[in-house]
Amino acid sequence: MEENVEKLKVKKLLGKVSSKLRRLRKRRDHILNDEDMPRSEKQKLLDAIQEKMNQVSQVGIQRTEGAF
């Protein structure tokens, strides 16, 4: 029973990670499709989004390590 509770906690966490990554991907896509934004500004914003995606993913990996 205890094992199932832990898996449910992990599932909830993974759902949050997935949701955050989905929002970041949408922002990234919006920036990529913006034809009026200068390339240098796009690159700066995309780099920041990628860094945030890496951080979110890393936290998800660390917090779920050993759960399965």
PDB file of N, CA and C in Angstrom:
ATOM      1  N   MET A   1       0.819  -1.193   0.000  1.00  0.00           N
ATOM      2  CA  MET A   1       0.000   0.000   0.000  1.00  0.00           C
ATOM      3  C   MET A   1       0.866   1.263   0.000  1.00  0.00           C
ATOM      4  N   GLU A   2       1.906   1.267   0.818  1.00  0.00           N
ATOM      5  CA  GLU A   2       2.818   2.417   0.902  1.00  0.00           C
ATOM      6  C   GLU A   2       3.470   2.704  -0.452  1.00  0.00           C
ATOM      7  N   GLU A   3       3.804   1.641  -1.157  1.00  0.00           N
ATOM      8  CA  GLU A   3       4.439   1.791  -2.477  1.00  0.00           C
ATOM      9  C   GLU A   3       3.499   2.510  -3.445  1.00  0.00           C
ATOM     10  N   ASN A   4       2.221   2.197  -3.404  1.00  0.00           N
ATOM     11  CA  ASN A   4       1.257   2.832  -4.285  1.00  0.00           C
ATOM     12  C   ASN A   4       1.097   4.320  -3.973  1.00  0.00           C
ATOM     13  N   VAL A   5       1.163   4.666  -2.702  1.00  0.00           N
ATOM     14  CA  VAL A   5       1.060   6.068  -2.308  1.00  0.00           C
ATOM     15  C   VAL A   5       2.236   6.849  -2.882  1.00  0.00           C
ATOM     16  N   GLU A   6       3.414   6.271  -2.804  1.00  0.00           N
ATOM     17  CA  GLU A   6       4.607   6.926  -3.353  1.00  0.00           C
ATOM     18  C   GLU A   6       4.484   7.094  -4.868  1.00  0.00           C
ATOM     19  N   LYS A   7       3.972   6.089  -5.540  1.00  0.00           N
ATOM     20  CA  LYS A   7       3.813   6.182  -6.997  1.00  0.00           C
ATOM     21  C   LYS A   7       2.791   7.248  -7.366  1.00  0.00           C
ATOM     22  N   LEU A   8       1.753   7.401  -6.559  1.00  0.00           N
ATOM     23  CA  LEU A   8       0.763   8.444  -6.824  1.00  0.00           C
ATOM     24  C   LEU A   8       1.374   9.833  -6.652  1.00  0.00           C
ATOM     25  N   LYS A   9       2.245   9.994  -5.654  1.00  0.00           N
ATOM     26  CA  LYS A   9       2.936  11.263  -5.458  1.00  0.00           C
ATOM     27  C   LYS A   9       3.823  11.578  -6.656  1.00  0.00           C
ATOM     28  N   VAL A  10       4.511  10.551  -7.136  1.00  0.00           N
ATOM     29  CA  VAL A  10       5.387  10.724  -8.298  1.00  0.00           C
ATOM     30  C   VAL A  10       4.556  11.075  -9.526  1.00  0.00           C
ATOM     31  N   LYS A  11       3.418  10.424  -9.680  1.00  0.00           N
ATOM     32  CA  LYS A  11       2.560  10.703 -10.831  1.00  0.00           C
ATOM     33  C   LYS A  11       2.094  12.154 -10.811  1.00  0.00           C
ATOM     34  N   LYS A  12       1.732  12.647  -9.646  1.00  0.00           N
ATOM     35  CA  LYS A  12       1.285  14.029  -9.515  1.00  0.00           C
ATOM     36  C   LYS A  12       2.428  14.987  -9.876  1.00  0.00           C
ATOM     37  N   LEU A  13       3.605  14.699  -9.391  1.00  0.00           N
ATOM     38  CA  LEU A  13       4.773  15.528  -9.690  1.00  0.00           C
ATOM     39  C   LEU A  13       5.071  15.517 -11.187  1.00  0.00           C
ATOM     40  N   LEU A  14       5.036  14.345 -11.799  1.00  0.00           N
ATOM     41  CA  LEU A  14       5.309  14.253 -13.231  1.00  0.00           C
ATOM     42  C   LEU A  14       4.258  14.999 -14.048  1.00  0.00           C
ATOM     43  N   GLY A  15       3.033  15.005 -13.577  1.00  0.00           N
ATOM     44  CA  GLY A  15       1.984  15.765 -14.237  1.00  0.00           C
ATOM     45  C   GLY A  15       2.284  17.259 -14.198  1.00  0.00           C
ATOM     46  N   LYS A  16       2.770  17.745 -13.059  1.00  0.00           N
ATOM     47  CA  LYS A  16       3.122  19.157 -12.929  1.00  0.00           C
ATOM     48  C   LYS A  16       4.303  19.507 -13.830  1.00  0.00           C
ATOM     49  N   VAL A  17       5.292  18.622 -13.868  1.00  0.00           N
ATOM     50  CA  VAL A  17       6.450  18.839 -14.733  1.00  0.00           C
ATOM     51  C   VAL A  17       6.010  18.894 -16.193  1.00  0.00           C
ATOM     52  N   SER A  18       5.168  17.969 -16.576  1.00  0.00           N
ATOM     53  CA  SER A  18       4.662  17.934 -17.942  1.00  0.00           C
ATOM     54  C   SER A  18       3.901  19.210 -18.293  1.00  0.00           C
ATOM     55  N   SER A  19       3.096  19.679 -17.371  1.00  0.00           N
ATOM     56  CA  SER A  19       2.321  20.897 -17.589  1.00  0.00           C
ATOM     57  C   SER A  19       3.238  22.113 -17.760  1.00  0.00           C
ATOM     58  N   LYS A  20       4.249  22.218 -16.919  1.00  0.00           N
ATOM     59  CA  LYS A  20       5.196  23.333 -17.022  1.00  0.00           C
ATOM     60  C   LYS A  20       5.940  23.292 -18.351  1.00  0.00           C
ATOM     61  N   LEU A  21       6.375  22.097 -18.748  1.00  0.00           N
ATOM     62  CA  LEU A  21       7.083  21.969 -20.017  1.00  0.00           C
ATOM     63  C   LEU A  21       6.172  22.300 -21.192  1.00  0.00           C
ATOM     64  N   ARG A  22       4.919  21.911 -21.116  1.00  0.00           N
ATOM     65  CA  ARG A  22       3.963  22.214 -22.182  1.00  0.00           C
ATOM     66  C   ARG A  22       3.797  23.729 -22.335  1.00  0.00           C
ATOM     67  N   ARG A  23       3.672  24.441 -21.212  1.00  0.00           N
ATOM     68  CA  ARG A  23       3.535  25.904 -21.269  1.00  0.00           C
ATOM     69  C   ARG A  23       4.790  26.549 -21.866  1.00  0.00           C
ATOM     70  N   LEU A  24       5.944  26.042 -21.475  1.00  0.00           N
ATOM     71  CA  LEU A  24       7.196  26.590 -22.010  1.00  0.00           C
ATOM     72  C   LEU A  24       7.322  26.319 -23.509  1.00  0.00           C
ATOM     73  N   ARG A  25       6.917  25.146 -23.957  1.00  0.00           N
ATOM     74  CA  ARG A  25       6.964  24.835 -25.394  1.00  0.00           C
ATOM     75  C   ARG A  25       6.025  25.743 -26.175  1.00  0.00           C
ATOM     76  N   LYS A  26       4.856  26.038 -25.613  1.00  0.00           N
ATOM     77  CA  LYS A  26       3.916  26.946 -26.277  1.00  0.00           C
ATOM     78  C   LYS A  26       4.515  28.345 -26.403  1.00  0.00           C
ATOM     79  N   ARG A  27       5.161  28.815 -25.339  1.00  0.00           N
ATOM     80  CA  ARG A  27       5.824  30.122 -25.402  1.00  0.00           C
ATOM     81  C   ARG A  27       6.918  30.116 -26.454  1.00  0.00           C
ATOM     82  N   ARG A  28       7.690  29.032 -26.484  1.00  0.00           N
ATOM     83  CA  ARG A  28       8.767  28.902 -27.467  1.00  0.00           C
ATOM     84  C   ARG A  28       8.211  28.949 -28.889  1.00  0.00           C
ATOM     85  N   ASP A  29       7.141  28.199 -29.122  1.00  0.00           N
ATOM     86  CA  ASP A  29       6.537  28.167 -30.452  1.00  0.00           C
ATOM     87  C   ASP A  29       5.994  29.531 -30.851  1.00  0.00           C
ATOM     88  N   HIS A  30       5.404  30.234 -29.886  1.00  0.00           N
ATOM     89  CA  HIS A  30       4.879  31.570 -30.157  1.00  0.00           C
ATOM     90  C   HIS A  30       6.008  32.501 -30.587  1.00  0.00           C
ATOM     91  N   ILE A  31       7.122  32.434 -29.904  1.00  0.00           N
ATOM     92  CA  ILE A  31       8.278  33.267 -30.243  1.00  0.00           C
ATOM     93  C   ILE A  31       8.817  32.889 -31.619  1.00  0.00           C
ATOM     94  N   LEU A  32       8.938  31.612 -31.885  1.00  0.00           N
ATOM     95  CA  LEU A  32       9.454  31.168 -33.183  1.00  0.00           C
ATOM     96  C   LEU A  32       8.571  31.629 -34.342  1.00  0.00           C
ATOM     97  N   ASN A  33       7.275  31.703 -34.120  1.00  0.00           N
ATOM     98  CA  ASN A  33       6.341  32.089 -35.176  1.00  0.00           C
ATOM     99  C   ASN A  33       6.164  33.602 -35.308  1.00  0.00           C
ATOM    100  N   ASP A  34       6.754  34.358 -34.417  1.00  0.00           N
ATOM    101  CA  ASP A  34       6.636  35.817 -34.465  1.00  0.00           C
ATOM    102  C   ASP A  34       7.581  36.357 -35.539  1.00  0.00           C
ATOM    103  N   GLU A  35       7.011  36.844 -36.619  1.00  0.00           N
ATOM    104  CA  GLU A  35       7.812  37.335 -37.740  1.00  0.00           C
ATOM    105  C   GLU A  35       8.337  38.751 -37.510  1.00  0.00           C
ATOM    106  N   ASP A  36       7.760  39.477 -36.569  1.00  0.00           N
ATOM    107  CA  ASP A  36       8.154  40.865 -36.333  1.00  0.00           C
ATOM    108  C   ASP A  36       9.293  41.008 -35.322  1.00  0.00           C
ATOM    109  N   MET A  37       9.547  39.972 -34.565  1.00  0.00           N
ATOM    110  CA  MET A  37      10.571  40.054 -33.528  1.00  0.00           C
ATOM    111  C   MET A  37      11.964  39.897 -34.149  1.00  0.00           C
ATOM    112  N   PRO A  38      12.898  40.774 -33.761  1.00  0.00           N
ATOM    113  CA  PRO A  38      14.272  40.652 -34.276  1.00  0.00           C
ATOM    114  C   PRO A  38      14.909  39.329 -33.850  1.00  0.00           C
ATOM    115  N   ARG A  39      15.778  38.834 -34.707  1.00  0.00           N
ATOM    116  CA  ARG A  39      16.406  37.530 -34.466  1.00  0.00           C
ATOM    117  C   ARG A  39      17.182  37.497 -33.139  1.00  0.00           C
ATOM    118  N   SER A  40      17.881  38.564 -32.834  1.00  0.00           N
ATOM    119  CA  SER A  40      18.679  38.593 -31.600  1.00  0.00           C
ATOM    120  C   SER A  40      17.788  38.498 -30.361  1.00  0.00           C
ATOM    121  N   GLU A  41      16.651  39.176 -30.407  1.00  0.00           N
ATOM    122  CA  GLU A  41      15.719  39.116 -29.278  1.00  0.00           C
ATOM    123  C   GLU A  41      15.113  37.714 -29.160  1.00  0.00           C
ATOM    124  N   LYS A  42      14.767  37.141 -30.313  1.00  0.00           N
ATOM    125  CA  LYS A  42      14.235  35.768 -30.319  1.00  0.00           C
ATOM    126  C   LYS A  42      15.219  34.817 -29.667  1.00  0.00           C
ATOM    127  N   GLN A  43      16.490  34.942 -30.071  1.00  0.00           N
ATOM    128  CA  GLN A  43      17.507  34.026 -29.558  1.00  0.00           C
ATOM    129  C   GLN A  43      17.656  34.150 -28.051  1.00  0.00           C
ATOM    130  N   LYS A  44      17.635  35.397 -27.554  1.00  0.00           N
ATOM    131  CA  LYS A  44      17.768  35.620 -26.118  1.00  0.00           C
ATOM    132  C   LYS A  44      16.595  34.975 -25.365  1.00  0.00           C
ATOM    133  N   LEU A  45      15.377  35.182 -25.865  1.00  0.00           N
ATOM    134  CA  LEU A  45      14.198  34.605 -25.215  1.00  0.00           C
ATOM    135  C   LEU A  45      14.184  33.084 -25.310  1.00  0.00           C
ATOM    136  N   LEU A  46      14.565  32.560 -26.463  1.00  0.00           N
ATOM    137  CA  LEU A  46      14.587  31.109 -26.645  1.00  0.00           C
ATOM    138  C   LEU A  46      15.634  30.457 -25.745  1.00  0.00           C
ATOM    139  N   ASP A  47      16.774  31.107 -25.593  1.00  0.00           N
ATOM    140  CA  ASP A  47      17.808  30.573 -24.693  1.00  0.00           C
ATOM    141  C   ASP A  47      17.296  30.523 -23.253  1.00  0.00           C
ATOM    142  N   ALA A  48      16.589  31.564 -22.837  1.00  0.00           N
ATOM    143  CA  ALA A  48      16.050  31.604 -21.474  1.00  0.00           C
ATOM    144  C   ALA A  48      14.989  30.513 -21.280  1.00  0.00           C
ATOM    145  N   ILE A  49      14.147  30.321 -22.274  1.00  0.00           N
ATOM    146  CA  ILE A  49      13.120  29.283 -22.186  1.00  0.00           C
ATOM    147  C   ILE A  49      13.761  27.907 -22.137  1.00  0.00           C
ATOM    148  N   GLN A  50      14.778  27.681 -22.960  1.00  0.00           N
ATOM    149  CA  GLN A  50      15.453  26.384 -22.961  1.00  0.00           C
ATOM    150  C   GLN A  50      16.112  26.110 -21.614  1.00  0.00           C
ATOM    151  N   GLU A  51      16.711  27.129 -21.035  1.00  0.00           N
ATOM    152  CA  GLU A  51      17.332  26.979 -19.716  1.00  0.00           C
ATOM    153  C   GLU A  51      16.281  26.603 -18.668  1.00  0.00           C
ATOM    154  N   LYS A  52      15.133  27.260 -18.726  1.00  0.00           N
ATOM    155  CA  LYS A  52      14.053  26.956 -17.779  1.00  0.00           C
ATOM    156  C   LYS A  52      13.542  25.531 -17.998  1.00  0.00           C
ATOM    157  N   MET A  53      13.413  25.116 -19.258  1.00  0.00           N
ATOM    158  CA  MET A  53      12.977  23.746 -19.546  1.00  0.00           C
ATOM    159  C   MET A  53      13.970  22.734 -18.979  1.00  0.00           C
ATOM    160  N   ASN A  54      15.248  23.032 -19.115  1.00  0.00           N
ATOM    161  CA  ASN A  54      16.277  22.138 -18.566  1.00  0.00           C
ATOM    162  C   ASN A  54      16.175  22.044 -17.049  1.00  0.00           C
ATOM    163  N   GLN A  55      15.934  23.181 -16.399  1.00  0.00           N
ATOM    164  CA  GLN A  55      15.808  23.197 -14.945  1.00  0.00           C
ATOM    165  C   GLN A  55      14.592  22.392 -14.483  1.00  0.00           C
ATOM    166  N   VAL A  56      13.459  22.605 -15.139  1.00  0.00           N
ATOM    167  CA  VAL A  56      12.234  21.891 -14.778  1.00  0.00           C
ATOM    168  C   VAL A  56      12.434  20.387 -14.953  1.00  0.00           C
ATOM    169  N   SER A  57      13.049  20.003 -16.066  1.00  0.00           N
ATOM    170  CA  SER A  57      13.297  18.584 -16.326  1.00  0.00           C
ATOM    171  C   SER A  57      14.236  17.983 -15.287  1.00  0.00           C
ATOM    172  N   GLN A  58      15.278  18.716 -14.953  1.00  0.00           N
ATOM    173  CA  GLN A  58      16.255  18.222 -13.987  1.00  0.00           C
ATOM    174  C   GLN A  58      15.618  18.028 -12.609  1.00  0.00           C
ATOM    175  N   VAL A  59      14.794  18.968 -12.200  1.00  0.00           N
ATOM    176  CA  VAL A  59      14.104  18.837 -10.906  1.00  0.00           C
ATOM    177  C   VAL A  59      13.198  17.603 -10.933  1.00  0.00           C
ATOM    178  N   GLY A  60      12.478  17.403 -12.028  1.00  0.00           N
ATOM    179  CA  GLY A  60      11.620  16.221 -12.154  1.00  0.00           C
ATOM    180  C   GLY A  60      12.415  14.935 -12.052  1.00  0.00           C
ATOM    181  N   ILE A  61      13.558  14.900 -12.690  1.00  0.00           N
ATOM    182  CA  ILE A  61      14.407  13.706 -12.647  1.00  0.00           C
ATOM    183  C   ILE A  61      14.911  13.466 -11.226  1.00  0.00           C
ATOM    184  N   GLN A  62      15.391  14.512 -10.577  1.00  0.00           N
ATOM    185  CA  GLN A  62      15.942  14.368  -9.228  1.00  0.00           C
ATOM    186  C   GLN A  62      14.875  13.917  -8.225  1.00  0.00           C
ATOM    187  N   ARG A  63      13.688  14.485  -8.339  1.00  0.00           N
ATOM    188  CA  ARG A  63      12.650  14.186  -7.345  1.00  0.00           C
ATOM    189  C   ARG A  63      11.985  12.836  -7.561  1.00  0.00           C
ATOM    190  N   THR A  64      12.132  12.268  -8.750  1.00  0.00           N
ATOM    191  CA  THR A  64      11.527  10.959  -9.015  1.00  0.00           C
ATOM    192  C   THR A  64      12.562   9.836  -9.062  1.00  0.00           C
ATOM    193  N   GLU A  65      13.825  10.173  -8.878  1.00  0.00           N
ATOM    194  CA  GLU A  65      14.870   9.169  -8.938  1.00  0.00           C
ATOM    195  C   GLU A  65      14.647   8.071  -7.892  1.00  0.00           C
ATOM    196  N   GLY A  66      14.681   6.859  -8.333  1.00  0.00           N
ATOM    197  CA  GLY A  66      14.503   5.720  -7.452  1.00  0.00           C
ATOM    198  C   GLY A  66      13.062   5.377  -7.151  1.00  0.00           C
ATOM    199  N   ALA A  67      12.125   6.065  -7.779  1.00  0.00           N
ATOM    200  CA  ALA A  67      10.714   5.824  -7.480  1.00  0.00           C
ATOM    201  C   ALA A  67      10.203   4.542  -8.157  1.00  0.00           C
ATOM    202  N   PHE A  68      10.885   4.131  -9.216  1.00  0.00           N
ATOM    203  CA  PHE A  68      10.405   2.968  -9.940  1.00  0.00           C
ATOM    204  C   PHE A  68      11.436   1.865  -9.997  1.00  0.00           C
TER     205      PHE A  68
END
